[in-house]
PDB file of N, CA and C in Angstrom:
ATOM      1  N   MET A   1     131.351   2.734  85.416  1.00  0.00           N
ATOM      2  CA  MET A   1     131.348   2.745  83.753  1.00  0.00           C
ATOM      3  C   MET A   1     132.734   1.985  83.088  1.00  0.00           C
ATOM      4  N   LYS A   2     132.550   1.825  82.123  1.00  0.00           N
ATOM      5  CA  LYS A   2     133.605   0.720  81.246  1.00  0.00           C
ATOM      6  C   LYS A   2     134.516   1.881  80.999  1.00  0.00           C
ATOM      7  N   ARG A   3     135.944   1.363  80.809  1.00  0.00           N
ATOM      8  CA  ARG A   3     136.852   2.472  80.328  1.00  0.00           C
ATOM      9  C   ARG A   3     137.851   1.726  79.266  1.00  0.00           C
ATOM     10  N   LEU A   4     138.331   2.365  78.308  1.00  0.00           N
ATOM     11  CA  LEU A   4     139.792   1.950  77.714  1.00  0.00           C
ATOM     12  C   LEU A   4     140.767   3.002  77.584  1.00  0.00           C
ATOM     13  N   THR A   5     141.869   2.677  77.650  1.00  0.00           N
ATOM     14  CA  THR A   5     142.660   3.844  77.365  1.00  0.00           C
ATOM     15  C   THR A   5     142.876   4.424  75.847  1.00  0.00           C
ATOM     16  N   ALA A   6     143.351   5.411  75.780  1.00  0.00           N
ATOM     17  CA  ALA A   6     143.552   5.984  74.503  1.00  0.00           C
ATOM     18  C   ALA A   6     144.370   4.734  73.442  1.00  0.00           C
ATOM     19  N   LYS A   7     145.413   4.305  74.194  1.00  0.00           N
ATOM     20  CA  LYS A   7     146.188   3.074  73.517  1.00  0.00           C
ATOM     21  C   LYS A   7     145.471   1.885  73.215  1.00  0.00           C
ATOM     22  N   GLU A   8     144.596   1.493  74.220  1.00  0.00           N
ATOM     23  CA  GLU A   8     143.674   0.394  73.839  1.00  0.00           C
ATOM     24  C   GLU A   8     142.816   0.549  72.788  1.00  0.00           C
ATOM     25  N   VAL A   9     142.114   1.853  72.471  1.00  0.00           N
ATOM     26  CA  VAL A   9     141.421   2.019  71.485  1.00  0.00           C
ATOM     27  C   VAL A   9     142.249   2.221  69.974  1.00  0.00           C
ATOM     28  N   GLN A  10     143.214   2.825  69.940  1.00  0.00           N
ATOM     29  CA  GLN A  10     144.088   2.708  68.880  1.00  0.00           C
ATOM     30  C   GLN A  10     144.530   1.236  68.520  1.00  0.00           C
ATOM     31  N   GLU A  11     144.892   0.447  69.527  1.00  0.00           N
ATOM     32  CA  GLU A  11     145.598  -1.035  69.157  1.00  0.00           C
ATOM     33  C   GLU A  11     144.247  -1.650  68.684  1.00  0.00           C
ATOM     34  N   LYS A  12     143.225  -1.515  69.090  1.00  0.00           N
ATOM     35  CA  LYS A  12     141.796  -2.157  68.582  1.00  0.00           C
ATOM     36  C   LYS A  12     141.601  -1.668  67.159  1.00  0.00           C
ATOM     37  N   LEU A  13     141.755  -0.470  66.842  1.00  0.00           N
ATOM     38  CA  LEU A  13     141.584   0.023  65.423  1.00  0.00           C
ATOM     39  C   LEU A  13     142.580  -0.470  64.681  1.00  0.00           C
ATOM     40  N   GLU A  14     143.881  -0.643  65.037  1.00  0.00           N
ATOM     41  CA  GLU A  14     144.798  -0.946  64.174  1.00  0.00           C
ATOM     42  C   GLU A  14     144.952  -2.421  63.777  1.00  0.00           C
ATOM     43  N   ASN A  15     144.181  -3.006  64.714  1.00  0.00           N
ATOM     44  CA  ASN A  15     144.021  -4.693  64.572  1.00  0.00           C
ATOM     45  C   ASN A  15     142.929  -4.828  63.798  1.00  0.00           C
ATOM     46  N   GLY A  16     142.179  -3.963  63.248  1.00  0.00           N
ATOM     47  CA  GLY A  16     141.112  -4.066  62.446  1.00  0.00           C
ATOM     48  C   GLY A  16     139.707  -4.229  63.395  1.00  0.00           C
ATOM     49  N   GLU A  17     139.436  -4.000  64.497  1.00  0.00           N
ATOM     50  CA  GLU A  17     138.382  -4.203  65.212  1.00  0.00           C
ATOM     51  C   GLU A  17     137.468  -2.930  64.704  1.00  0.00           C
ATOM     52  N   GLN A  18     136.290  -3.185  64.597  1.00  0.00           N
ATOM     53  CA  GLN A  18     135.076  -2.128  64.341  1.00  0.00           C
ATOM     54  C   GLN A  18     134.621  -1.752  65.441  1.00  0.00           C
ATOM     55  N   LEU A  19     135.051  -0.390  65.850  1.00  0.00           N
ATOM     56  CA  LEU A  19     134.455   0.220  67.085  1.00  0.00           C
ATOM     57  C   LEU A  19     133.663   1.450  66.479  1.00  0.00           C
ATOM     58  N   ASN A  20     132.314   1.532  67.436  1.00  0.00           N
ATOM     59  CA  ASN A  20     131.510   2.826  67.160  1.00  0.00           C
ATOM     60  C   ASN A  20     132.064   3.951  68.251  1.00  0.00           C
ATOM     61  N   ILE A  21     132.797   5.007  67.456  1.00  0.00           N
ATOM     62  CA  ILE A  21     133.156   5.846  68.246  1.00  0.00           C
ATOM     63  C   ILE A  21     132.470   7.245  68.115  1.00  0.00           C
ATOM     64  N   ILE A  22     132.103   7.952  69.102  1.00  0.00           N
ATOM     65  CA  ILE A  22     131.443   9.127  69.186  1.00  0.00           C
ATOM     66  C   ILE A  22     132.547  10.088  69.835  1.00  0.00           C
ATOM     67  N   ASP A  23     132.666  11.269  69.085  1.00  0.00           N
ATOM     68  CA  ASP A  23     133.712  12.388  69.414  1.00  0.00           C
ATOM     69  C   ASP A  23     132.620  13.445  69.894  1.00  0.00           C
ATOM     70  N   VAL A  24     132.506  14.002  71.230  1.00  0.00           N
ATOM     71  CA  VAL A  24     131.815  14.833  71.820  1.00  0.00           C
ATOM     72  C   VAL A  24     132.401  16.044  71.866  1.00  0.00           C
ATOM     73  N   ARG A  25     133.431  16.426  71.061  1.00  0.00           N
ATOM     74  CA  ARG A  25     134.275  17.775  71.477  1.00  0.00           C
ATOM     75  C   ARG A  25     133.393  18.763  70.604  1.00  0.00           C
ATOM     76  N   GLU A  26     133.785  19.799  70.728  1.00  0.00           N
ATOM     77  CA  GLU A  26     133.103  21.114  69.962  1.00  0.00           C
ATOM     78  C   GLU A  26     133.843  20.824  68.626  1.00  0.00           C
ATOM     79  N   VAL A  27     133.106  21.780  67.583  1.00  0.00           N
ATOM     80  CA  VAL A  27     133.251  21.819  66.132  1.00  0.00           C
ATOM     81  C   VAL A  27     134.970  22.306  65.953  1.00  0.00           C
ATOM     82  N   ASP A  28     135.190  23.352  66.523  1.00  0.00           N
ATOM     83  CA  ASP A  28     136.780  23.826  66.531  1.00  0.00           C
ATOM     84  C   ASP A  28     137.749  22.905  67.050  1.00  0.00           C
ATOM     85  N   GLU A  29     137.226  22.076  68.169  1.00  0.00           N
ATOM     86  CA  GLU A  29     138.313  21.050  68.565  1.00  0.00           C
ATOM     87  C   GLU A  29     138.571  19.657  67.449  1.00  0.00           C
ATOM     88  N   VAL A  30     137.436  19.498  66.813  1.00  0.00           N
ATOM     89  CA  VAL A  30     137.384  18.285  65.993  1.00  0.00           C
ATOM     90  C   VAL A  30     138.249  18.782  64.559  1.00  0.00           C
ATOM     91  N   LYS A  31     138.125  20.278  64.221  1.00  0.00           N
ATOM     92  CA  LYS A  31     139.012  20.583  63.146  1.00  0.00           C
ATOM     93  C   LYS A  31     140.371  20.428  63.313  1.00  0.00           C
ATOM     94  N   GLU A  32     140.885  20.073  64.440  1.00  0.00           N
ATOM     95  CA  GLU A  32     142.148  19.868  64.716  1.00  0.00           C
ATOM     96  C   GLU A  32     142.549  18.414  64.620  1.00  0.00           C
ATOM     97  N   GLY A  33     141.492  17.737  64.272  1.00  0.00           N
ATOM     98  CA  GLY A  33     141.805  16.150  64.027  1.00  0.00           C
ATOM     99  C   GLY A  33     140.721  15.113  64.892  1.00  0.00           C
ATOM    100  N   LYS A  34     140.151  14.351  64.178  1.00  0.00           N
ATOM    101  CA  LYS A  34     139.591  13.163  65.106  1.00  0.00           C
ATOM    102  C   LYS A  34     139.952  11.899  64.624  1.00  0.00           C
ATOM    103  N   ILE A  35     139.677  10.920  65.347  1.00  0.00           N
ATOM    104  CA  ILE A  35     139.736   9.562  64.788  1.00  0.00           C
ATOM    105  C   ILE A  35     138.879   9.375  63.581  1.00  0.00           C
ATOM    106  N   PRO A  36     139.498   8.781  62.416  1.00  0.00           N
ATOM    107  CA  PRO A  36     138.469   8.853  61.151  1.00  0.00           C
ATOM    108  C   PRO A  36     137.407   8.028  61.356  1.00  0.00           C
ATOM    109  N   GLU A  37     137.227   6.761  62.040  1.00  0.00           N
ATOM    110  CA  GLU A  37     136.078   6.338  62.456  1.00  0.00           C
ATOM    111  C   GLU A  37     134.746   7.028  63.383  1.00  0.00           C
ATOM    112  N   ALA A  38     135.377   8.069  63.829  1.00  0.00           N
ATOM    113  CA  ALA A  38     134.434   8.622  64.804  1.00  0.00           C
ATOM    114  C   ALA A  38     133.417   9.433  64.187  1.00  0.00           C
ATOM    115  N   ILE A  39     132.266   9.467  64.896  1.00  0.00           N
ATOM    116  CA  ILE A  39     131.073  10.191  64.464  1.00  0.00           C
ATOM    117  C   ILE A  39     131.110  11.290  65.529  1.00  0.00           C
ATOM    118  N   HIS A  40     130.940  12.746  64.801  1.00  0.00           N
ATOM    119  CA  HIS A  40     131.061  13.812  65.862  1.00  0.00           C
ATOM    120  C   HIS A  40     129.578  14.380  66.092  1.00  0.00           C
ATOM    121  N   ILE A  41     129.373  14.194  67.364  1.00  0.00           N
ATOM    122  CA  ILE A  41     128.120  14.828  68.053  1.00  0.00           C
ATOM    123  C   ILE A  41     128.629  15.584  69.365  1.00  0.00           C
ATOM    124  N   PRO A  42     128.438  16.868  69.190  1.00  0.00           N
ATOM    125  CA  PRO A  42     129.038  17.615  70.210  1.00  0.00           C
ATOM    126  C   PRO A  42     128.127  17.357  71.749  1.00  0.00           C
ATOM    127  N   LEU A  43     128.741  17.501  72.744  1.00  0.00           N
ATOM    128  CA  LEU A  43     128.207  16.938  73.905  1.00  0.00           C
ATOM    129  C   LEU A  43     126.821  17.669  74.298  1.00  0.00           C
ATOM    130  N   GLY A  44     126.734  18.799  73.817  1.00  0.00           N
ATOM    131  CA  GLY A  44     125.407  19.454  74.067  1.00  0.00           C
ATOM    132  C   GLY A  44     124.178  19.066  73.411  1.00  0.00           C
ATOM    133  N   LEU A  45     124.584  18.164  72.218  1.00  0.00           N
ATOM    134  CA  LEU A  45     123.538  17.524  71.187  1.00  0.00           C
ATOM    135  C   LEU A  45     123.356  16.106  71.551  1.00  0.00           C
ATOM    136  N   VAL A  46     124.168  15.663  72.400  1.00  0.00           N
ATOM    137  CA  VAL A  46     124.087  14.055  72.681  1.00  0.00           C
ATOM    138  C   VAL A  46     122.736  13.704  73.024  1.00  0.00           C
ATOM    139  N   GLU A  47     122.123  14.483  74.191  1.00  0.00           N
ATOM    140  CA  GLU A  47     120.564  14.131  74.287  1.00  0.00           C
ATOM    141  C   GLU A  47     119.642  14.072  73.291  1.00  0.00           C
ATOM    142  N   PHE A  48     120.046  15.009  72.409  1.00  0.00           N
ATOM    143  CA  PHE A  48     118.751  15.108  71.165  1.00  0.00           C
ATOM    144  C   PHE A  48     119.274  14.318  70.158  1.00  0.00           C
ATOM    145  N   LYS A  49     120.448  13.681  69.978  1.00  0.00           N
ATOM    146  CA  LYS A  49     120.732  12.907  68.836  1.00  0.00           C
ATOM    147  C   LYS A  49     120.686  11.319  69.416  1.00  0.00           C
ATOM    148  N   MET A  50     120.606  11.098  70.619  1.00  0.00           N
ATOM    149  CA  MET A  50     120.775   9.767  70.953  1.00  0.00           C
ATOM    150  C   MET A  50     119.686   8.735  70.326  1.00  0.00           C
ATOM    151  N   ASN A  51     118.597   9.165  69.634  1.00  0.00           N
ATOM    152  CA  ASN A  51     117.543   8.463  69.096  1.00  0.00           C
ATOM    153  C   ASN A  51     118.027   7.948  67.839  1.00  0.00           C
ATOM    154  N   GLU A  52     119.140   8.611  67.257  1.00  0.00           N
ATOM    155  CA  GLU A  52     119.794   8.219  66.073  1.00  0.00           C
ATOM    156  C   GLU A  52     121.008   6.977  66.401  1.00  0.00           C
ATOM    157  N   LEU A  53     121.000   6.656  67.618  1.00  0.00           N
ATOM    158  CA  LEU A  53     122.131   5.623  67.918  1.00  0.00           C
ATOM    159  C   LEU A  53     121.155   4.209  68.141  1.00  0.00           C
ATOM    160  N   ASP A  54     122.121   3.191  68.189  1.00  0.00           N
ATOM    161  CA  ASP A  54     121.414   1.769  68.426  1.00  0.00           C
ATOM    162  C   ASP A  54     121.722   1.191  69.578  1.00  0.00           C
ATOM    163  N   LYS A  55     120.923   0.932  70.379  1.00  0.00           N
ATOM    164  CA  LYS A  55     120.921   0.435  71.750  1.00  0.00           C
ATOM    165  C   LYS A  55     121.687  -1.013  71.745  1.00  0.00           C
ATOM    166  N   LYS A  56     121.713  -1.649  70.593  1.00  0.00           N
ATOM    167  CA  LYS A  56     122.285  -3.052  70.311  1.00  0.00           C
ATOM    168  C   LYS A  56     123.795  -2.852  70.108  1.00  0.00           C
ATOM    169  N   LYS A  57     124.456  -1.715  69.913  1.00  0.00           N
ATOM    170  CA  LYS A  57     125.728  -1.501  69.645  1.00  0.00           C
ATOM    171  C   LYS A  57     126.324  -0.927  70.758  1.00  0.00           C
ATOM    172  N   GLN A  58     127.773  -1.039  70.866  1.00  0.00           N
ATOM    173  CA  GLN A  58     128.499  -0.604  71.882  1.00  0.00           C
ATOM    174  C   GLN A  58     129.014   0.860  71.340  1.00  0.00           C
ATOM    175  N   TYR A  59     129.244   1.797  72.194  1.00  0.00           N
ATOM    176  CA  TYR A  59     129.836   3.178  71.598  1.00  0.00           C
ATOM    177  C   TYR A  59     131.012   3.447  72.792  1.00  0.00           C
ATOM    178  N   VAL A  60     132.230   3.794  71.891  1.00  0.00           N
ATOM    179  CA  VAL A  60     133.168   4.519  72.624  1.00  0.00           C
ATOM    180  C   VAL A  60     133.274   5.838  72.606  1.00  0.00           C
ATOM    181  N   MET A  61     133.215   6.658  73.526  1.00  0.00           N
ATOM    182  CA  MET A  61     132.959   8.018  73.878  1.00  0.00           C
ATOM    183  C   MET A  61     134.428   8.558  74.001  1.00  0.00           C
ATOM    184  N   VAL A  62     134.630   9.710  72.983  1.00  0.00           N
ATOM    185  CA  VAL A  62     135.987  10.320  72.909  1.00  0.00           C
ATOM    186  C   VAL A  62     135.563  11.947  73.251  1.00  0.00           C
ATOM    187  N   CYS A  63     136.600  12.617  73.929  1.00  0.00           N
ATOM    188  CA  CYS A  63     136.652  14.013  73.990  1.00  0.00           C
ATOM    189  C   CYS A  63     138.182  14.310  74.085  1.00  0.00           C
ATOM    190  N   ARG A  64     138.508  15.513  74.480  1.00  0.00           N
ATOM    191  CA  ARG A  64     139.770  16.056  74.584  1.00  0.00           C
ATOM    192  C   ARG A  64     140.585  15.423  75.594  1.00  0.00           C
ATOM    193  N   SER A  65     139.998  15.288  76.883  1.00  0.00           N
ATOM    194  CA  SER A  65     140.775  14.773  77.879  1.00  0.00           C
ATOM    195  C   SER A  65     139.976  13.404  78.687  1.00  0.00           C
ATOM    196  N   GLY A  66     138.953  13.260  78.197  1.00  0.00           N
ATOM    197  CA  GLY A  66     138.090  12.090  78.849  1.00  0.00           C
ATOM    198  C   GLY A  66     137.169  12.566  79.625  1.00  0.00           C
ATOM    199  N   ALA A  67     136.925  14.057  80.104  1.00  0.00           N
ATOM    200  CA  ALA A  67     136.015  14.308  81.106  1.00  0.00           C
ATOM    201  C   ALA A  67     134.638  14.378  80.488  1.00  0.00           C
ATOM    202  N   ARG A  68     134.505  15.138  79.354  1.00  0.00           N
ATOM    203  CA  ARG A  68     133.213  15.409  78.879  1.00  0.00           C
ATOM    204  C   ARG A  68     132.725  14.015  78.290  1.00  0.00           C
ATOM    205  N   SER A  69     133.591  13.286  77.668  1.00  0.00           N
ATOM    206  CA  SER A  69     133.035  11.836  77.199  1.00  0.00           C
ATOM    207  C   SER A  69     132.527  11.317  78.297  1.00  0.00           C
ATOM    208  N   GLY A  70     133.202  11.198  79.520  1.00  0.00           N
ATOM    209  CA  GLY A  70     132.685  10.471  80.685  1.00  0.00           C
ATOM    210  C   GLY A  70     131.314  11.080  81.158  1.00  0.00           C
ATOM    211  N   ARG A  71     131.043  12.191  80.992  1.00  0.00           N
ATOM    212  CA  ARG A  71     129.695  12.718  81.021  1.00  0.00           C
ATOM    213  C   ARG A  71     128.664  12.463  80.368  1.00  0.00           C
ATOM    214  N   ALA A  72     129.022  12.330  78.973  1.00  0.00           N
ATOM    215  CA  ALA A  72     128.390  11.574  77.983  1.00  0.00           C
ATOM    216  C   ALA A  72     128.145  10.248  78.067  1.00  0.00           C
ATOM    217  N   ALA A  73     128.994   9.678  78.492  1.00  0.00           N
ATOM    218  CA  ALA A  73     128.967   8.246  78.529  1.00  0.00           C
ATOM    219  C   ALA A  73     128.025   7.692  79.821  1.00  0.00           C
ATOM    220  N   THR A  74     128.086   8.511  80.976  1.00  0.00           N
ATOM    221  CA  THR A  74     127.185   8.340  82.140  1.00  0.00           C
ATOM    222  C   THR A  74     125.972   8.582  81.768  1.00  0.00           C
ATOM    223  N   TYR A  75     125.448   9.574  80.959  1.00  0.00           N
ATOM    224  CA  TYR A  75     124.309  10.009  80.587  1.00  0.00           C
ATOM    225  C   TYR A  75     123.691   8.823  79.730  1.00  0.00           C
ATOM    226  N   LEU A  76     124.327   8.493  78.635  1.00  0.00           N
ATOM    227  CA  LEU A  76     123.850   7.408  77.580  1.00  0.00           C
ATOM    228  C   LEU A  76     123.813   6.197  78.421  1.00  0.00           C
ATOM    229  N   GLU A  77     124.633   5.621  79.514  1.00  0.00           N
ATOM    230  CA  GLU A  77     124.415   4.666  80.209  1.00  0.00           C
ATOM    231  C   GLU A  77     123.148   4.442  80.908  1.00  0.00           C
ATOM    232  N   GLY A  78     122.812   5.735  81.483  1.00  0.00           N
ATOM    233  CA  GLY A  78     121.452   5.936  82.051  1.00  0.00           C
ATOM    234  C   GLY A  78     120.383   5.911  81.288  1.00  0.00           C
ATOM    235  N   GLN A  79     120.489   5.976  79.924  1.00  0.00           N
ATOM    236  CA  GLN A  79     119.382   5.811  79.177  1.00  0.00           C
ATOM    237  C   GLN A  79     119.557   4.359  78.405  1.00  0.00           C
ATOM    238  N   GLY A  80     120.383   3.477  78.712  1.00  0.00           N
ATOM    239  CA  GLY A  80     120.237   2.023  78.465  1.00  0.00           C
ATOM    240  C   GLY A  80     121.320   1.717  77.330  1.00  0.00           C
ATOM    241  N   PHE A  81     122.157   2.713  77.094  1.00  0.00           N
ATOM    242  CA  PHE A  81     123.251   2.355  75.947  1.00  0.00           C
ATOM    243  C   PHE A  81     124.329   1.701  76.648  1.00  0.00           C
ATOM    244  N   ASP A  82     125.053   0.838  75.797  1.00  0.00           N
ATOM    245  CA  ASP A  82     126.299   0.369  76.275  1.00  0.00           C
ATOM    246  C   ASP A  82     127.451   1.067  75.653  1.00  0.00           C
ATOM    247  N   VAL A  83     128.052   1.759  76.752  1.00  0.00           N
ATOM    248  CA  VAL A  83     129.083   2.599  76.374  1.00  0.00           C
ATOM    249  C   VAL A  83     130.366   2.442  77.135  1.00  0.00           C
ATOM    250  N   ILE A  84     131.472   2.915  76.552  1.00  0.00           N
ATOM    251  CA  ILE A  84     132.934   2.812  77.239  1.00  0.00           C
ATOM    252  C   ILE A  84     133.324   4.227  76.986  1.00  0.00           C
ATOM    253  N   ASN A  85     133.932   4.727  78.092  1.00  0.00           N
ATOM    254  CA  ASN A  85     134.673   6.126  77.996  1.00  0.00           C
ATOM    255  C   ASN A  85     136.227   5.838  77.721  1.00  0.00           C
ATOM    256  N   MET A  86     136.747   6.677  76.541  1.00  0.00           N
ATOM    257  CA  MET A  86     138.187   6.613  76.365  1.00  0.00           C
ATOM    258  C   MET A  86     138.915   7.533  77.346  1.00  0.00           C
ATOM    259  N   ASP A  87     139.558   7.025  78.245  1.00  0.00           N
ATOM    260  CA  ASP A  87     140.287   7.791  79.248  1.00  0.00           C
ATOM    261  C   ASP A  87     141.597   8.411  78.646  1.00  0.00           C
ATOM    262  N   GLY A  88     141.833   9.616  78.875  1.00  0.00           N
ATOM    263  CA  GLY A  88     142.823  10.283  78.584  1.00  0.00           C
ATOM    264  C   GLY A  88     142.516  11.297  77.212  1.00  0.00           C
ATOM    265  N   GLY A  89     141.163  10.844  76.628  1.00  0.00           N
ATOM    266  CA  GLY A  89     140.814  11.592  75.439  1.00  0.00           C
ATOM    267  C   GLY A  89     141.872  11.642  74.333  1.00  0.00           C
ATOM    268  N   MET A  90     141.533  12.735  73.547  1.00  0.00           N
ATOM    269  CA  MET A  90     142.553  12.998  72.104  1.00  0.00           C
ATOM    270  C   MET A  90     143.825  13.549  72.495  1.00  0.00           C
ATOM    271  N   MET A  91     143.985  13.961  73.757  1.00  0.00           N
ATOM    272  CA  MET A  91     145.205  14.464  74.340  1.00  0.00           C
ATOM    273  C   MET A  91     146.205  13.206  74.273  1.00  0.00           C
ATOM    274  N   SER A  92     145.723  12.035  74.740  1.00  0.00           N
ATOM    275  CA  SER A  92     146.542  10.752  74.653  1.00  0.00           C
ATOM    276  C   SER A  92     146.690   9.940  73.664  1.00  0.00           C
ATOM    277  N   TYR A  93     145.768  10.293  72.570  1.00  0.00           N
ATOM    278  CA  TYR A  93     145.314   9.431  71.506  1.00  0.00           C
ATOM    279  C   TYR A  93     146.677   9.746  70.505  1.00  0.00           C
ATOM    280  N   GLU A  94     147.441   8.715  70.160  1.00  0.00           N
ATOM    281  CA  GLU A  94     148.625   8.713  69.135  1.00  0.00           C
ATOM    282  C   GLU A  94     148.404   8.045  67.735  1.00  0.00           C
ATOM    283  N   GLY A  95     146.925   7.335  67.777  1.00  0.00           N
ATOM    284  CA  GLY A  95     146.963   6.958  66.421  1.00  0.00           C
ATOM    285  C   GLY A  95     146.461   8.030  65.270  1.00  0.00           C
ATOM    286  N   LYS A  96     146.135   7.558  64.178  1.00  0.00           N
ATOM    287  CA  LYS A  96     146.050   8.552  62.952  1.00  0.00           C
ATOM    288  C   LYS A  96     144.541   9.290  63.063  1.00  0.00           C
ATOM    289  N   THR A  97     144.724  10.389  62.786  1.00  0.00           N
ATOM    290  CA  THR A  97     143.402  11.300  62.715  1.00  0.00           C
ATOM    291  C   THR A  97     143.312  11.818  61.487  1.00  0.00           C
ATOM    292  N   ASN A  98     141.949  12.676  61.159  1.00  0.00           N
ATOM    293  CA  ASN A  98     141.906  13.291  59.955  1.00  0.00           C
ATOM    294  C   ASN A  98     141.194  14.787  60.179  1.00  0.00           C
TER     295      ASN A  98
END
């Protein structure tokens, strides 16, 4: 599985790179702040929402610590998607959130 650190994701966003970020945390966790560019799809819904994703795009998976997003990334990778896990999750992310 491909990985980026939270710092690397932050730097890419700050440099104006367009990233397709999927936040797989639960609703109450996302209320505490998410990366503005992120789409929220709770982990339990990834299997049902993946038909809304484009296999031609690369996705960065995000959660609180990196574990759940890792599971989502492994699952989506197995379905033919190009995914990267953000190691350390939102606990390590220091960029802006909303």
